[in-house]
Protein backbone atom coordinates (compact mmCIF):
# COMPACT_ATOMS: atom_id res chain seq x y z
CA MET A 1 -0.04 -0.01 -0.01
CA ILE A 2 1.44 3.36 -1.11
CA LEU A 3 0.55 6.55 0.85
CA ASN A 4 0.29 9.69 -1.19
CA PHE A 5 1.46 12.59 0.89
CA LYS A 6 1.17 15.98 -0.83
CA SER A 7 3.78 17.64 1.21
CA LYS A 8 6.51 17.07 3.68
CA LYS A 9 4.58 19.12 6.14
CA GLN A 10 1.98 16.19 6.29
CA ILE A 11 4.53 13.90 6.96
CA TYR A 12 6.04 15.98 9.83
CA ILE A 13 2.50 16.38 11.41
CA ILE A 14 1.93 12.62 11.27
CA VAL A 15 5.33 11.78 12.83
CA ALA A 16 4.77 14.39 15.60
CA LEU A 17 1.23 13.09 16.51
CA LEU A 18 2.86 9.57 16.71
CA ALA A 19 5.61 10.85 19.14
CA VAL A 20 2.97 12.64 21.30
CA LEU A 21 0.92 9.51 21.31
CA VAL A 22 3.95 7.36 22.45
CA MET A 23 5.04 9.90 25.22
CA LEU A 24 1.31 9.86 26.70
CA LEU A 25 1.22 6.06 26.73
CA LEU A 26 4.66 5.92 28.59
CA ILE A 27 3.37 8.36 31.14
CA PHE A 28 0.17 6.60 31.77
CA ALA A 29 1.95 3.25 32.19
CA GLY A 30 4.53 4.82 34.54
CA SER A 31 1.69 6.54 36.82
CA ARG A 32 -0.21 3.20 36.83
CA LYS A 33 2.85 1.16 37.83
CA ASN A 34 3.56 3.59 40.79
CA ASN A 35 -0.12 3.36 41.84
CA GLN A 36 -0.25 -0.61 41.76
CA THR A 37 2.86 -0.78 43.87
CA GLY A 38 1.61 1.28 46.81
CA ASN A 39 3.96 4.22 46.07
CA VAL A 40 2.70 7.82 46.87
CA ASN A 41 3.06 9.92 43.76
CA SER A 42 3.22 13.80 43.46
CA THR A 43 -0.64 14.10 43.92
CA GLU A 44 -0.45 12.31 47.27
CA GLU A 45 -2.42 9.44 45.78
CA TYR A 46 -1.59 5.83 46.02
CA TYR A 47 -3.36 2.46 45.56
CA ASP A 48 -3.58 0.16 48.57
CA LYS A 49 -3.42 -3.33 47.17
CA ASN A 50 -4.70 -4.98 50.34
CA SER A 51 -7.88 -3.25 50.45
CA GLY A 52 -8.35 -2.43 46.73
CA GLU A 53 -8.74 1.24 47.66
CA THR A 54 -7.09 4.24 46.19
CA VAL A 55 -6.25 6.96 48.95
CA SER A 56 -6.04 10.51 47.91
CA ASN A 57 -4.91 13.65 49.60
CA PRO A 58 -4.32 16.15 46.72
CA ALA A 59 -3.17 19.78 47.47
CA ASN A 60 -5.99 22.26 47.83
CA ARG A 61 -8.62 19.35 48.14
CA THR A 62 -10.52 17.76 50.91
CA PRO A 63 -8.37 15.11 52.50
CA GLU A 64 -9.04 11.45 52.75
CA LYS A 65 -9.49 11.84 56.58
CA TYR A 66 -12.01 14.81 56.31
CA GLY A 67 -14.38 14.59 59.26
CA VAL A 68 -12.31 12.06 61.00
CA ILE A 69 -10.60 12.96 64.46
CA ASP A 70 -6.92 13.45 63.78
CA GLU A 71 -5.81 10.97 66.55
CA LYS A 72 -7.80 8.05 64.79
CA PRO A 73 -6.28 5.96 62.18
CA LEU A 74 -7.40 5.71 58.52
CA TYR A 75 -9.31 2.26 58.09
CA LEU A 76 -8.70 0.98 54.66
CA GLY A 77 -10.84 -2.04 53.59
CA ILE A 78 -12.71 -2.33 57.01
CA SER A 79 -15.97 -1.66 55.31
CA LYS A 80 -15.60 -4.75 53.34
CA LEU A 81 -16.63 -6.63 56.46
CA LEU A 82 -20.08 -5.51 55.89
CA ASP A 83 -20.13 -7.80 52.71
CA LYS A 84 -19.32 -10.82 54.93
CA GLY A 85 -22.14 -10.36 57.37
CA VAL A 86 -20.60 -8.16 59.93
CA THR A 87 -22.99 -5.55 61.07
CA PHE A 88 -22.43 -1.81 60.93
CA ASP A 89 -22.31 -1.69 64.76
CA GLN A 90 -19.68 -4.44 64.70
CA VAL A 91 -17.47 -2.58 62.16
CA GLU A 92 -17.62 0.58 64.26
CA ALA A 93 -16.58 -1.51 67.29
CA THR A 94 -13.84 -3.11 65.16
CA LYS A 95 -12.43 0.42 64.32
CA GLU A 96 -12.49 1.22 68.09
CA ALA A 97 -10.60 -1.86 68.84
CA LEU A 98 -8.14 -1.04 66.08
CA ASN A 99 -7.64 2.38 67.48
CA ARG A 100 -7.04 1.25 71.05
CA PHE A 101 -4.42 -1.31 69.43
CA SER A 102 -2.90 1.77 67.73
CA LYS A 103 -2.51 3.52 71.04
CA SER A 104 -1.23 0.49 73.02
CA ASP A 105 2.70 0.54 73.53
CA ASN A 106 2.79 4.15 71.99
CA LYS A 107 2.57 2.45 68.47
CA ASN A 108 0.51 5.61 67.03
CA ILE A 109 -0.42 3.76 64.03
CA LYS A 110 -1.81 6.20 61.36
CA GLU A 111 -3.30 3.59 58.88
CA PHE A 112 -4.82 0.08 59.02
CA SER A 113 -5.24 -1.91 55.75
CA LEU A 114 -7.35 -5.09 55.78
CA ASP A 115 -6.33 -7.51 53.13
CA ILE A 116 -9.64 -8.45 51.79
CA GLN A 117 -8.43 -11.50 49.95
CA SER A 118 -7.18 -13.24 53.17
CA ILE A 119 -10.52 -13.00 54.71
CA ASP A 120 -11.62 -16.61 55.94
CA GLN A 121 -14.90 -16.92 57.99
CA ILE A 122 -16.28 -19.57 60.35
CA ILE A 123 -20.05 -19.05 60.58
CA PRO A 124 -22.03 -21.11 63.30
CA LYS A 125 -24.38 -23.73 61.89
CA ALA A 126 -28.17 -23.41 62.52
CA THR A 127 -27.87 -26.47 64.93
CA ASP A 128 -25.03 -24.65 67.06
CA PRO A 129 -26.20 -23.19 70.36
CA PRO A 130 -27.55 -19.43 69.64
CA ASP A 131 -24.77 -17.92 71.65
CA THR A 132 -21.91 -19.40 69.29
CA LYS A 133 -19.85 -16.61 68.02
CA ALA A 134 -18.92 -16.23 64.37
CA THR A 135 -15.29 -16.01 63.70
CA MET A 136 -13.30 -14.20 60.89
CA TYR A 137 -9.60 -14.37 60.10
CA PHE A 138 -7.63 -11.94 58.00
CA ASN A 139 -4.32 -10.22 57.55
CA LEU A 140 -3.91 -6.65 58.55
CA THR A 141 -1.11 -4.27 57.51
CA THR A 142 -0.29 -1.13 59.55
CA ASP A 143 1.32 1.97 58.11
CA ARG A 144 2.06 0.01 54.86
CA THR A 145 4.98 -1.58 56.65
CA GLN A 146 4.11 -4.26 59.37
CA THR A 147 1.67 -7.09 58.68
CA TYR A 148 -0.38 -8.77 61.49
CA LYS A 149 -2.85 -11.82 61.55
CA ALA A 150 -6.07 -10.98 63.04
CA LYS A 151 -8.99 -12.86 64.55
CA LEU A 152 -12.33 -11.23 64.88
CA GLU A 153 -15.21 -12.87 66.98
CA TYR A 154 -18.53 -11.01 66.38
CA PHE A 155 -21.86 -11.86 68.07
CA GLU A 156 -25.01 -10.34 69.27
CA LEU A 157 -25.32 -7.94 66.33
CA THR A 158 -23.14 -5.21 68.20
CA ALA A 159 -20.38 -7.02 69.86
CA ILE A 160 -16.88 -7.96 68.93
CA HIS A 161 -13.68 -9.39 70.37
CA LEU A 162 -10.41 -8.68 68.21
CA TYR A 163 -7.18 -10.57 68.69
CA VAL A 164 -3.96 -9.40 66.79
CA TYR A 165 -1.22 -11.72 66.38
CA ASP A 166 2.52 -11.38 65.27
CA SER A 167 2.48 -12.68 61.74
CA ARG A 168 5.87 -14.56 62.31
CA SER A 169 5.72 -16.12 65.52
CA ASN A 170 1.71 -16.27 65.78
CA LYS A 171 2.28 -14.77 69.22
CA LEU A 172 -0.81 -12.91 70.63
CA ILE A 173 0.18 -9.29 71.02
CA TYR A 174 -3.24 -7.65 71.44
CA GLU A 175 -6.54 -8.51 72.70
CA SER A 176 -9.48 -5.97 72.73
CA GLY A 177 -11.74 -7.69 75.01
CA THR A 178 -15.43 -7.59 74.40
CA LEU A 179 -16.42 -4.28 72.59
CA SER A 180 -19.53 -2.97 71.29
CA SER A 181 -20.36 0.24 69.37
CA ASP A 182 -22.26 1.26 72.68
CA SER A 183 -18.83 0.63 74.63
CA ALA A 184 -17.07 2.93 72.20
CA GLU A 185 -19.50 5.65 72.62
CA VAL A 186 -19.48 5.32 76.37
CA ASP A 187 -15.58 5.71 76.40
CA GLU A 188 -15.90 8.83 74.31
CA ASP A 189 -18.61 10.19 76.73
CA GLU A 190 -16.41 9.63 79.69
CA GLU A 191 -13.42 11.34 77.97
CA ASP A 192 -15.77 14.30 77.33
CA HIS A 193 -16.81 14.48 81.04
CA GLU A 194 -13.26 14.31 82.17
CA ASN A 195 -12.20 17.33 80.12
């Protein structure tokens, strides 16, 4: 197939357009690679591979943590527990348990990321006693660096009990005790009265 170009100017325009197209493809591929690896790019945006969520805090925009008390961590993937049968109140109690874990031993964790692919559930059978707890296991990453194993027992529509284990030694390093969304609210009310 022979192409007829009437002038060299048309050839230069086509070559320039192809060069621009190639540059745009390279830029797009590079930014996508950075986001998939969890790197923060210049817009303060990154892709969290555990939760499948993108975190964005661009300049001059409302930050990801808007409306969240600064001392509380960012919880990535925690809302996916709703898809697995955990109630909203139990999710809120789980956040409170993670917040308490963050404060234990002065860890000051800023971000929790639940690995949604690692969720494994044990749901009571219909023949089990009514007070049998459902159990869920999952991996949890803190501040994009440290990975833990977690066990969540949930029961009575509002109550949870969270256990956090060292991922290497399987040693229990944190236990929340029984919490409910009501107990989290009571603790916040007590703090308000103390001040």
